[in-house]
Structures are given as C-alpha cells and as structure tokens.
Amino acid sequence: MSGSARVFVSYRREDTRHVAGRLADRLVERFQVFMDMDTIEPGTDFTDVIRRAVNDCDVFLSVIGTQWTTVEDERGQRRLDDPNDWVVAETAAALRRNAPVIPVLVDANVSLLEQPLARGREADLQDFTSAVPIAADESALSLADVPALVGRFQVVNIKLDKCGGLTEALAMAAKARELGLKVMVGNMVGTSLAMAPGFVVGQLCDVVDLDGPIFLKRDRTPAATYADGRIWCSEDLWGGAAASQPA
C-alpha cells in the first residue's frame, strides 16, 4: 500500500483498546489512519463520520481479542448478535463494499494458517515469511503435489477423502518428511470408521485433526474415543482381529 492509503481500525474497547491504540500509532507513521477515539472531533455526528470513514477506507483492520465475540451489553446480550452494535455495523459495511478486511488476532494463540490462497496460486507464497506456519490443504491433493510445496508452505495437511485413501496418504506423509515439511492429517466430517485410517497416518504426523465424529448426531459402534484432546482408534474399530471375528 502507498503512504496515502486509508486504514480503518475497528476494535472493541473492552477487548483490545490498548492493542488497537498501539497499532494505530505505528500505522500512522506510514498511512492515513482512522480510529474513533483519536479521529472524531467533539460535537461531530458519530454515525455519519463512521459511515464515511468505512466507505472511504482502503483497508479495514478488525482487531480481535479473546472477548470480541463474548462482550455483552447492559441487558446481558452478546453485542455480536446486535446488528446495531458499532463493531458489527462497521464490519458489515466494509464487507458489503468488498473492502479488504484483515483480522488482527490478539492473544488468540493461533498456531497454524491453513490454505490462505486458492489452489493454483501457490507461487504467490514463494519465499513468503510468515510468523505463523502455513499449511497446504487444497494445494496438496496427491503425492505429485508435495514437491512443489517446498518454499511456499511449512505444513502439509493430508486428507484421505481428497487424496484417495490410506496408501496415497502414507506416501504423501513420507515424502513431506523427506522434504523437510511438517505433516498434518485432517478430515472431512465422517464416522469413526472414516477416522481409523487417518489415525494410522496420524502416527507420522505433527498435527492430528480427526474430530469429524464429534459433529455427528450419532456415530457408529464401536467408535473412536476422545479424551484430553486426543483420539484413540482401537483394533475392534477397524482392521483388527477382534473386528474380523463373527458376531
């Protein structure tokens, strides 16, 4: 962005006022920055100024802390559910005009950014330095995709539903390791039976995300077990001797 770019800083005072202020102080050194506490003159129509600022901005920064979704009004209702809440209205207005909306996550413990660009745009990430590791998802559909991820992604998210099955997934995991990439196994929503082969791949992975069954109203029996953020698939679930015995 050029120095004439206009940046709108949106935040909740109860949530990230201190961070938003420091962010604005740094940005104003290079850009035109709008932040309600510093920009609106006393006696000015607050609503009109906010509306014009959102309509005129080149970039909309949404500063989001741990209370952004839970802050309540004087009636005990979530402000996020109120269409007239200032933060909700600002964000909605920016989205309606297709302004670039950039979330600034504060104290969110974000440890992984998954597939930030569409498949086919991998080259745009070449040698890009990110504070958070970037994982390839749609960009890693088969073993043939893996070599081209080096220098663009740090993690390969393998999904058996997309790559074709356990054999291909194991080959992808091995190749990713060989190339110095970290490995993750993910899933589409499915029963415990769909998680079991992913559980096998998970033994080679740095990150395991096999939570599909917990979103189902009813899972199969026997089922995978979940405890303390971990999954366990016993032999009677898939492929074991117990499962092959007649009922």
C-alpha atoms as a PDB file:
ATOM      1  CA  MET A   1       0.000   0.000   0.000  1.00  0.00           C
ATOM      2  CA  SER A   2       1.102   3.556  -0.613  1.00  0.00           C
ATOM      3  CA  GLY A   3       1.500   6.142   2.121  1.00  0.00           C
ATOM      4  CA  SER A   4      -1.782   7.718   1.032  1.00  0.00           C
ATOM      5  CA  ALA A   5      -3.737   4.538   1.781  1.00  0.00           C
ATOM      6  CA  ARG A   6      -6.551   4.958   4.298  1.00  0.00           C
ATOM      7  CA  VAL A   7      -6.733   2.386   7.094  1.00  0.00           C
ATOM      8  CA  PHE A   8      -9.784   1.941   9.329  1.00  0.00           C
ATOM      9  CA  VAL A   9      -9.032   0.370  12.732  1.00  0.00           C
ATOM     10  CA  SER A  10     -12.052  -1.421  14.220  1.00  0.00           C
ATOM     11  CA  TYR A  11     -11.923  -2.791  17.774  1.00  0.00           C
ATOM     12  CA  ARG A  12     -13.912  -3.338  20.967  1.00  0.00           C
ATOM     13  CA  ARG A  13     -12.847  -1.061  23.786  1.00  0.00           C
ATOM     14  CA  GLU A  14     -13.484  -3.739  26.413  1.00  0.00           C
ATOM     15  CA  ASP A  15     -11.403  -6.202  24.435  1.00  0.00           C
ATOM     16  CA  THR A  16      -8.419  -4.686  22.629  1.00  0.00           C
ATOM     17  CA  ARG A  17      -8.368  -0.925  23.192  1.00  0.00           C
ATOM     18  CA  HIS A  18      -4.725  -0.938  24.323  1.00  0.00           C
ATOM     19  CA  VAL A  19      -3.556  -3.025  21.369  1.00  0.00           C
ATOM     20  CA  ALA A  20      -5.585  -1.056  18.816  1.00  0.00           C
ATOM     21  CA  GLY A  21      -4.061   2.175  20.104  1.00  0.00           C
ATOM     22  CA  ARG A  22      -0.505   0.907  19.760  1.00  0.00           C
ATOM     23  CA  LEU A  23      -1.268  -0.499  16.321  1.00  0.00           C
ATOM     24  CA  ALA A  24      -2.690   2.833  15.169  1.00  0.00           C
ATOM     25  CA  ASP A  25       0.370   4.679  16.495  1.00  0.00           C
ATOM     26  CA  ARG A  26       2.628   2.533  14.326  1.00  0.00           C
ATOM     27  CA  LEU A  27       0.418   2.651  11.234  1.00  0.00           C
ATOM     28  CA  VAL A  28       0.043   6.439  11.283  1.00  0.00           C
ATOM     29  CA  GLU A  29       3.759   6.702  10.521  1.00  0.00           C
ATOM     30  CA  ARG A  30       3.027   5.406   7.012  1.00  0.00           C
ATOM     31  CA  PHE A  31      -0.719   5.602   6.369  1.00  0.00           C
ATOM     32  CA  GLN A  32      -3.808   7.696   6.947  1.00  0.00           C
ATOM     33  CA  VAL A  33      -5.424   6.018   9.953  1.00  0.00           C
ATOM     34  CA  PHE A  34      -8.976   6.297  11.238  1.00  0.00           C
ATOM     35  CA  MET A  35      -9.584   5.266  14.836  1.00  0.00           C
ATOM     36  CA  ASP A  36     -12.707   6.559  16.586  1.00  0.00           C
ATOM     37  CA  MET A  37     -11.092   7.747  19.837  1.00  0.00           C
ATOM     38  CA  ASP A  38      -8.465   9.855  18.047  1.00  0.00           C
ATOM     39  CA  THR A  39     -10.162  10.901  14.823  1.00  0.00           C
ATOM     40  CA  ILE A  40     -13.686  12.065  15.687  1.00  0.00           C
ATOM     41  CA  GLU A  41     -13.925  15.670  16.857  1.00  0.00           C
ATOM     42  CA  PRO A  42     -16.256  16.571  19.786  1.00  0.00           C
ATOM     43  CA  GLY A  43     -19.748  17.554  18.659  1.00  0.00           C
ATOM     44  CA  THR A  44     -19.451  15.653  15.370  1.00  0.00           C
ATOM     45  CA  ASP A  45     -22.184  13.276  14.170  1.00  0.00           C
ATOM     46  CA  PHE A  46     -20.557   9.972  15.236  1.00  0.00           C
ATOM     47  CA  THR A  47     -22.710   7.819  12.962  1.00  0.00           C
ATOM     48  CA  ASP A  48     -22.026   9.864   9.848  1.00  0.00           C
ATOM     49  CA  VAL A  49     -18.280  10.045  10.478  1.00  0.00           C
ATOM     50  CA  ILE A  50     -18.003   6.277  10.994  1.00  0.00           C
ATOM     51  CA  ARG A  51     -20.063   5.558   7.885  1.00  0.00           C
ATOM     52  CA  ARG A  52     -17.954   7.830   5.688  1.00  0.00           C
ATOM     53  CA  ALA A  53     -14.706   6.500   7.115  1.00  0.00           C
ATOM     54  CA  VAL A  54     -15.666   2.882   6.365  1.00  0.00           C
ATOM     55  CA  ASN A  55     -16.832   3.806   2.863  1.00  0.00           C
ATOM     56  CA  ASP A  56     -13.598   5.659   2.128  1.00  0.00           C
ATOM     57  CA  CYS A  57     -11.066   3.236   3.630  1.00  0.00           C
ATOM     58  CA  ASP A  58      -8.673   1.207   1.508  1.00  0.00           C
ATOM     59  CA  VAL A  59      -8.141  -1.415   4.220  1.00  0.00           C
ATOM     60  CA  PHE A  60     -10.322  -2.377   7.188  1.00  0.00           C
ATOM     61  CA  LEU A  61      -8.415  -3.815  10.162  1.00  0.00           C
ATOM     62  CA  SER A  62     -10.534  -5.777  12.626  1.00  0.00           C
ATOM     63  CA  VAL A  63      -8.637  -6.097  15.918  1.00  0.00           C
ATOM     64  CA  ILE A  64      -9.977  -9.245  17.592  1.00  0.00           C
ATOM     65  CA  GLY A  65      -9.126 -10.328  21.118  1.00  0.00           C
ATOM     66  CA  THR A  66     -10.343 -13.100  23.382  1.00  0.00           C
ATOM     67  CA  GLN A  67     -13.556 -11.223  24.315  1.00  0.00           C
ATOM     68  CA  TRP A  68     -14.501  -9.975  20.854  1.00  0.00           C
ATOM     69  CA  THR A  69     -17.345 -12.487  20.477  1.00  0.00           C
ATOM     70  CA  THR A  70     -18.492 -12.533  24.112  1.00  0.00           C
ATOM     71  CA  VAL A  71     -18.704  -8.879  25.223  1.00  0.00           C
ATOM     72  CA  GLU A  72     -22.242  -8.173  26.476  1.00  0.00           C
ATOM     73  CA  ASP A  73     -24.389  -5.046  26.592  1.00  0.00           C
ATOM     74  CA  GLU A  74     -26.224  -3.687  29.637  1.00  0.00           C
ATOM     75  CA  ARG A  75     -29.017  -6.245  29.106  1.00  0.00           C
ATOM     76  CA  GLY A  76     -26.628  -9.166  29.216  1.00  0.00           C
ATOM     77  CA  GLN A  77     -26.943  -9.844  25.472  1.00  0.00           C
ATOM     78  CA  ARG A  78     -23.952 -10.534  23.237  1.00  0.00           C
ATOM     79  CA  ARG A  79     -23.088  -7.427  21.269  1.00  0.00           C
ATOM     80  CA  LEU A  80     -22.050  -9.617  18.363  1.00  0.00           C
ATOM     81  CA  ASP A  81     -25.715 -10.605  17.940  1.00  0.00           C
ATOM     82  CA  ASP A  82     -26.880  -6.968  17.745  1.00  0.00           C
ATOM     83  CA  PRO A  83     -26.899  -5.646  14.157  1.00  0.00           C
ATOM     84  CA  ASN A  84     -26.789  -2.099  15.569  1.00  0.00           C
ATOM     85  CA  ASP A  85     -23.606  -2.726  17.541  1.00  0.00           C
ATOM     86  CA  TRP A  86     -20.896  -0.393  16.234  1.00  0.00           C
ATOM     87  CA  VAL A  87     -18.332  -3.104  15.585  1.00  0.00           C
ATOM     88  CA  VAL A  88     -20.893  -5.321  13.849  1.00  0.00           C
ATOM     89  CA  ALA A  89     -22.167  -2.418  11.742  1.00  0.00           C
ATOM     90  CA  GLU A  90     -18.642  -1.296  10.775  1.00  0.00           C
ATOM     91  CA  THR A  91     -17.578  -4.780   9.755  1.00  0.00           C
ATOM     92  CA  ALA A  92     -20.787  -5.444   7.824  1.00  0.00           C
ATOM     93  CA  ALA A  93     -20.410  -2.159   5.932  1.00  0.00           C
ATOM     94  CA  ALA A  94     -16.811  -2.981   4.986  1.00  0.00           C
ATOM     95  CA  LEU A  95     -17.800  -6.453   3.770  1.00  0.00           C
ATOM     96  CA  ARG A  96     -20.709  -5.086   1.739  1.00  0.00           C
ATOM     97  CA  ARG A  97     -18.421  -2.798  -0.237  1.00  0.00           C
ATOM     98  CA  ASN A  98     -15.828  -5.575  -0.667  1.00  0.00           C
ATOM     99  CA  ALA A  99     -13.112  -3.633   1.118  1.00  0.00           C
ATOM    100  CA  PRO A 100     -10.085  -5.717   2.153  1.00  0.00           C
ATOM    101  CA  VAL A 101     -10.935  -6.878   5.691  1.00  0.00           C
ATOM    102  CA  ILE A 102      -7.894  -8.047   7.642  1.00  0.00           C
ATOM    103  CA  PRO A 103      -8.380  -9.686  11.070  1.00  0.00           C
ATOM    104  CA  VAL A 104      -5.692  -8.864  13.634  1.00  0.00           C
ATOM    105  CA  LEU A 105      -5.811 -11.695  16.162  1.00  0.00           C
ATOM    106  CA  VAL A 106      -4.719 -10.723  19.679  1.00  0.00           C
ATOM    107  CA  ASP A 107      -3.944 -13.346  22.347  1.00  0.00           C
ATOM    108  CA  ALA A 108      -5.660 -15.953  20.171  1.00  0.00           C
ATOM    109  CA  ASN A 109      -2.806 -18.484  20.239  1.00  0.00           C
ATOM    110  CA  VAL A 110      -3.085 -19.056  16.502  1.00  0.00           C
ATOM    111  CA  SER A 111      -0.562 -21.770  15.651  1.00  0.00           C
ATOM    112  CA  LEU A 112      -1.437 -22.596  12.039  1.00  0.00           C
ATOM    113  CA  LEU A 113      -2.785 -20.788   8.974  1.00  0.00           C
ATOM    114  CA  GLU A 114      -4.472 -23.162   6.546  1.00  0.00           C
ATOM    115  CA  GLN A 115      -4.633 -22.626   2.767  1.00  0.00           C
ATOM    116  CA  PRO A 116      -4.685 -18.805   2.647  1.00  0.00           C
ATOM    117  CA  LEU A 117      -4.768 -18.762  -1.175  1.00  0.00           C
ATOM    118  CA  ALA A 118      -6.736 -20.801  -3.681  1.00  0.00           C
ATOM    119  CA  ARG A 119      -5.210 -23.866  -5.324  1.00  0.00           C
ATOM    120  CA  GLY A 120      -3.253 -22.697  -8.350  1.00  0.00           C
ATOM    121  CA  ARG A 121      -1.811 -19.642  -6.599  1.00  0.00           C
ATOM    122  CA  GLU A 122       0.911 -21.474  -4.676  1.00  0.00           C
ATOM    123  CA  ALA A 123       3.650 -19.461  -6.396  1.00  0.00           C
ATOM    124  CA  ASP A 124       2.361 -16.308  -4.684  1.00  0.00           C
ATOM    125  CA  LEU A 125       3.669 -17.747  -1.413  1.00  0.00           C
ATOM    126  CA  GLN A 126       7.168 -18.462  -2.702  1.00  0.00           C
ATOM    127  CA  ASP A 127       9.698 -17.405  -0.035  1.00  0.00           C
ATOM    128  CA  PHE A 128       6.972 -15.551   1.892  1.00  0.00           C
ATOM    129  CA  THR A 129       7.898 -15.217   5.571  1.00  0.00           C
ATOM    130  CA  SER A 130       5.008 -15.825   7.964  1.00  0.00           C
ATOM    131  CA  ALA A 131       5.004 -15.571  11.756  1.00  0.00           C
ATOM    132  CA  VAL A 132       2.535 -18.473  11.754  1.00  0.00           C
ATOM    133  CA  PRO A 133       3.244 -21.723   9.848  1.00  0.00           C
ATOM    134  CA  ILE A 134       1.184 -22.048   6.663  1.00  0.00           C
ATOM    135  CA  ALA A 135      -0.432 -25.384   5.827  1.00  0.00           C
ATOM    136  CA  ALA A 136      -1.322 -26.617   2.362  1.00  0.00           C
ATOM    137  CA  ASP A 137      -4.785 -28.176   2.136  1.00  0.00           C
ATOM    138  CA  GLU A 138      -6.377 -27.952  -1.319  1.00  0.00           C
ATOM    139  CA  SER A 139      -2.848 -27.435  -2.668  1.00  0.00           C
ATOM    140  CA  ALA A 140      -1.924 -30.958  -1.520  1.00  0.00           C
ATOM    141  CA  LEU A 141      -4.335 -33.397  -3.144  1.00  0.00           C
ATOM    142  CA  SER A 142      -1.851 -36.082  -4.164  1.00  0.00           C
ATOM    143  CA  LEU A 143       1.751 -37.220  -3.881  1.00  0.00           C
ATOM    144  CA  ALA A 144       2.544 -35.342  -7.099  1.00  0.00           C
ATOM    145  CA  ASP A 145       1.663 -32.019  -5.424  1.00  0.00           C
ATOM    146  CA  VAL A 146       4.052 -32.353  -2.489  1.00  0.00           C
ATOM    147  CA  PRO A 147       7.448 -31.365  -4.006  1.00  0.00           C
ATOM    148  CA  ALA A 148       6.111 -28.004  -5.226  1.00  0.00           C
ATOM    149  CA  LEU A 149       5.029 -27.058  -1.683  1.00  0.00           C
ATOM    150  CA  VAL A 150       8.620 -26.548  -0.508  1.00  0.00           C
ATOM    151  CA  GLY A 151       9.435 -22.856  -0.029  1.00  0.00           C
ATOM    152  CA  ARG A 152       5.738 -21.997  -0.065  1.00  0.00           C
ATOM    153  CA  PHE A 153       4.229 -23.959   2.813  1.00  0.00           C
ATOM    154  CA  GLN A 154       5.624 -25.317   6.056  1.00  0.00           C
ATOM    155  CA  VAL A 155       2.955 -27.956   6.732  1.00  0.00           C
ATOM    156  CA  VAL A 156       1.103 -30.454   4.518  1.00  0.00           C
ATOM    157  CA  ASN A 157      -2.479 -31.207   5.584  1.00  0.00           C
ATOM    158  CA  ILE A 158      -3.330 -34.674   4.262  1.00  0.00           C
ATOM    159  CA  LYS A 159      -6.983 -35.646   3.972  1.00  0.00           C
ATOM    160  CA  LEU A 160      -7.733 -39.197   2.907  1.00  0.00           C
ATOM    161  CA  ASP A 161     -11.076 -38.116   1.442  1.00  0.00           C
ATOM    162  CA  LYS A 162      -9.187 -35.881  -1.007  1.00  0.00           C
ATOM    163  CA  CYS A 163      -6.022 -37.830  -1.780  1.00  0.00           C
ATOM    164  CA  GLY A 164      -7.766 -41.146  -2.472  1.00  0.00           C
ATOM    165  CA  GLY A 165      -7.026 -43.297   0.534  1.00  0.00           C
ATOM    166  CA  LEU A 166      -4.528 -44.679   3.005  1.00  0.00           C
ATOM    167  CA  THR A 167      -1.826 -45.781   0.548  1.00  0.00           C
ATOM    168  CA  GLU A 168      -1.537 -42.353  -1.079  1.00  0.00           C
ATOM    169  CA  ALA A 169      -1.731 -40.606   2.302  1.00  0.00           C
ATOM    170  CA  LEU A 170       1.163 -42.628   3.709  1.00  0.00           C
ATOM    171  CA  ALA A 171       3.255 -41.889   0.613  1.00  0.00           C
ATOM    172  CA  MET A 172       2.480 -38.164   0.931  1.00  0.00           C
ATOM    173  CA  ALA A 173       3.450 -38.134   4.604  1.00  0.00           C
ATOM    174  CA  ALA A 174       6.743 -39.872   3.892  1.00  0.00           C
ATOM    175  CA  LYS A 175       7.582 -37.527   1.020  1.00  0.00           C
ATOM    176  CA  ALA A 176       6.730 -34.434   3.054  1.00  0.00           C
ATOM    177  CA  ARG A 177       9.031 -35.617   5.840  1.00  0.00           C
ATOM    178  CA  GLU A 178      11.789 -36.285   3.342  1.00  0.00           C
ATOM    179  CA  LEU A 179      11.487 -32.718   2.027  1.00  0.00           C
ATOM    180  CA  GLY A 180      11.584 -31.164   5.495  1.00  0.00           C
ATOM    181  CA  LEU A 181       7.905 -30.292   5.708  1.00  0.00           C
ATOM    182  CA  LYS A 182       5.755 -30.914   8.764  1.00  0.00           C
ATOM    183  CA  VAL A 183       2.750 -33.178   8.359  1.00  0.00           C
ATOM    184  CA  MET A 184      -0.861 -32.912   9.474  1.00  0.00           C
ATOM    185  CA  VAL A 185      -3.748 -35.304   8.947  1.00  0.00           C
ATOM    186  CA  GLY A 186      -7.196 -33.782   8.653  1.00  0.00           C
ATOM    187  CA  ASN A 187     -10.662 -34.966   7.790  1.00  0.00           C
ATOM    188  CA  MET A 188     -13.991 -34.191   6.271  1.00  0.00           C
ATOM    189  CA  VAL A 189     -16.941 -34.865   8.575  1.00  0.00           C
ATOM    190  CA  GLY A 190     -17.431 -38.621   8.896  1.00  0.00           C
ATOM    191  CA  THR A 191     -17.959 -41.517  11.272  1.00  0.00           C
ATOM    192  CA  SER A 192     -15.272 -43.154  13.375  1.00  0.00           C
ATOM    193  CA  LEU A 193     -14.767 -45.692  10.586  1.00  0.00           C
ATOM    194  CA  ALA A 194     -13.570 -42.850   8.340  1.00  0.00           C
ATOM    195  CA  MET A 195     -11.195 -41.631  11.067  1.00  0.00           C
ATOM    196  CA  ALA A 196      -9.496 -45.006  11.596  1.00  0.00           C
ATOM    197  CA  PRO A 197      -7.193 -44.965   8.537  1.00  0.00           C
ATOM    198  CA  GLY A 198      -6.448 -41.323   9.326  1.00  0.00           C
ATOM    199  CA  PHE A 199      -5.421 -42.474  12.785  1.00  0.00           C
ATOM    200  CA  VAL A 200      -2.819 -44.711  11.133  1.00  0.00           C
ATOM    201  CA  VAL A 201      -1.448 -41.757   9.158  1.00  0.00           C
ATOM    202  CA  GLY A 202      -1.503 -39.737  12.361  1.00  0.00           C
ATOM    203  CA  GLN A 203       1.386 -41.789  13.730  1.00  0.00           C
ATOM    204  CA  LEU A 204       3.589 -39.970  11.194  1.00  0.00           C
ATOM    205  CA  CYS A 205       2.162 -36.509  11.817  1.00  0.00           C
ATOM    206  CA  ASP A 206       2.968 -33.421  13.860  1.00  0.00           C
ATOM    207  CA  VAL A 207      -0.698 -32.375  13.983  1.00  0.00           C
ATOM    208  CA  VAL A 208      -3.754 -34.663  14.102  1.00  0.00           C
ATOM    209  CA  ASP A 209      -7.211 -33.218  13.372  1.00  0.00           C
ATOM    210  CA  LEU A 210      -9.646 -36.137  13.273  1.00  0.00           C
ATOM    211  CA  ASP A 211     -12.656 -34.647  15.024  1.00  0.00           C
ATOM    212  CA  GLY A 212     -15.318 -35.437  12.402  1.00  0.00           C
ATOM    213  CA  PRO A 213     -17.429 -37.833  14.518  1.00  0.00           C
ATOM    214  CA  ILE A 214     -17.982 -35.326  17.324  1.00  0.00           C
ATOM    215  CA  PHE A 215     -20.097 -33.226  14.953  1.00  0.00           C
ATOM    216  CA  LEU A 216     -22.462 -36.109  14.171  1.00  0.00           C
ATOM    217  CA  LYS A 217     -25.753 -36.667  15.946  1.00  0.00           C
ATOM    218  CA  ARG A 218     -24.960 -40.384  16.069  1.00  0.00           C
ATOM    219  CA  ASP A 219     -21.720 -42.244  15.413  1.00  0.00           C
ATOM    220  CA  ARG A 220     -21.190 -45.900  14.605  1.00  0.00           C
ATOM    221  CA  THR A 221     -20.394 -48.616  17.163  1.00  0.00           C
ATOM    222  CA  PRO A 222     -17.642 -49.314  18.051  1.00  0.00           C
ATOM    223  CA  ALA A 223     -16.473 -45.711  17.931  1.00  0.00           C
ATOM    224  CA  ALA A 224     -13.261 -43.783  18.313  1.00  0.00           C
ATOM    225  CA  THR A 225     -12.689 -42.373  21.776  1.00  0.00           C
ATOM    226  CA  TYR A 226     -11.689 -38.790  22.539  1.00  0.00           C
ATOM    227  CA  ALA A 227     -10.014 -37.592  25.743  1.00  0.00           C
ATOM    228  CA  ASP A 228      -7.785 -34.639  26.640  1.00  0.00           C
ATOM    229  CA  GLY A 229      -7.605 -33.503  23.019  1.00  0.00           C
ATOM    230  CA  ARG A 230      -6.513 -36.919  21.744  1.00  0.00           C
ATOM    231  CA  ILE A 231      -8.167 -39.600  19.637  1.00  0.00           C
ATOM    232  CA  TRP A 232      -7.816 -43.367  20.018  1.00  0.00           C
ATOM    233  CA  CYS A 233      -8.993 -45.954  17.485  1.00  0.00           C
ATOM    234  CA  SER A 234      -8.934 -49.456  18.924  1.00  0.00           C
ATOM    235  CA  GLU A 235      -8.359 -52.585  16.838  1.00  0.00           C
ATOM    236  CA  ASP A 236     -12.007 -53.588  17.004  1.00  0.00           C
ATOM    237  CA  LEU A 237     -12.940 -50.338  15.235  1.00  0.00           C
ATOM    238  CA  TRP A 238     -11.034 -51.053  12.033  1.00  0.00           C
ATOM    239  CA  GLY A 239      -8.723 -53.734  10.763  1.00  0.00           C
ATOM    240  CA  GLY A 240      -8.073 -55.628  13.990  1.00  0.00           C
ATOM    241  CA  ALA A 241      -8.510 -59.289  14.823  1.00  0.00           C
ATOM    242  CA  ALA A 242     -11.493 -58.584  17.055  1.00  0.00           C
ATOM    243  CA  ALA A 243     -13.300 -56.895  14.197  1.00  0.00           C
ATOM    244  CA  SER A 244     -12.909 -59.970  11.965  1.00  0.00           C
ATOM    245  CA  GLN A 245     -14.493 -62.385  14.427  1.00  0.00           C
ATOM    246  CA  PRO A 246     -18.087 -63.454  13.691  1.00  0.00           C
ATOM    247  CA  ALA A 247     -20.802 -61.890  15.783  1.00  0.00           C
END
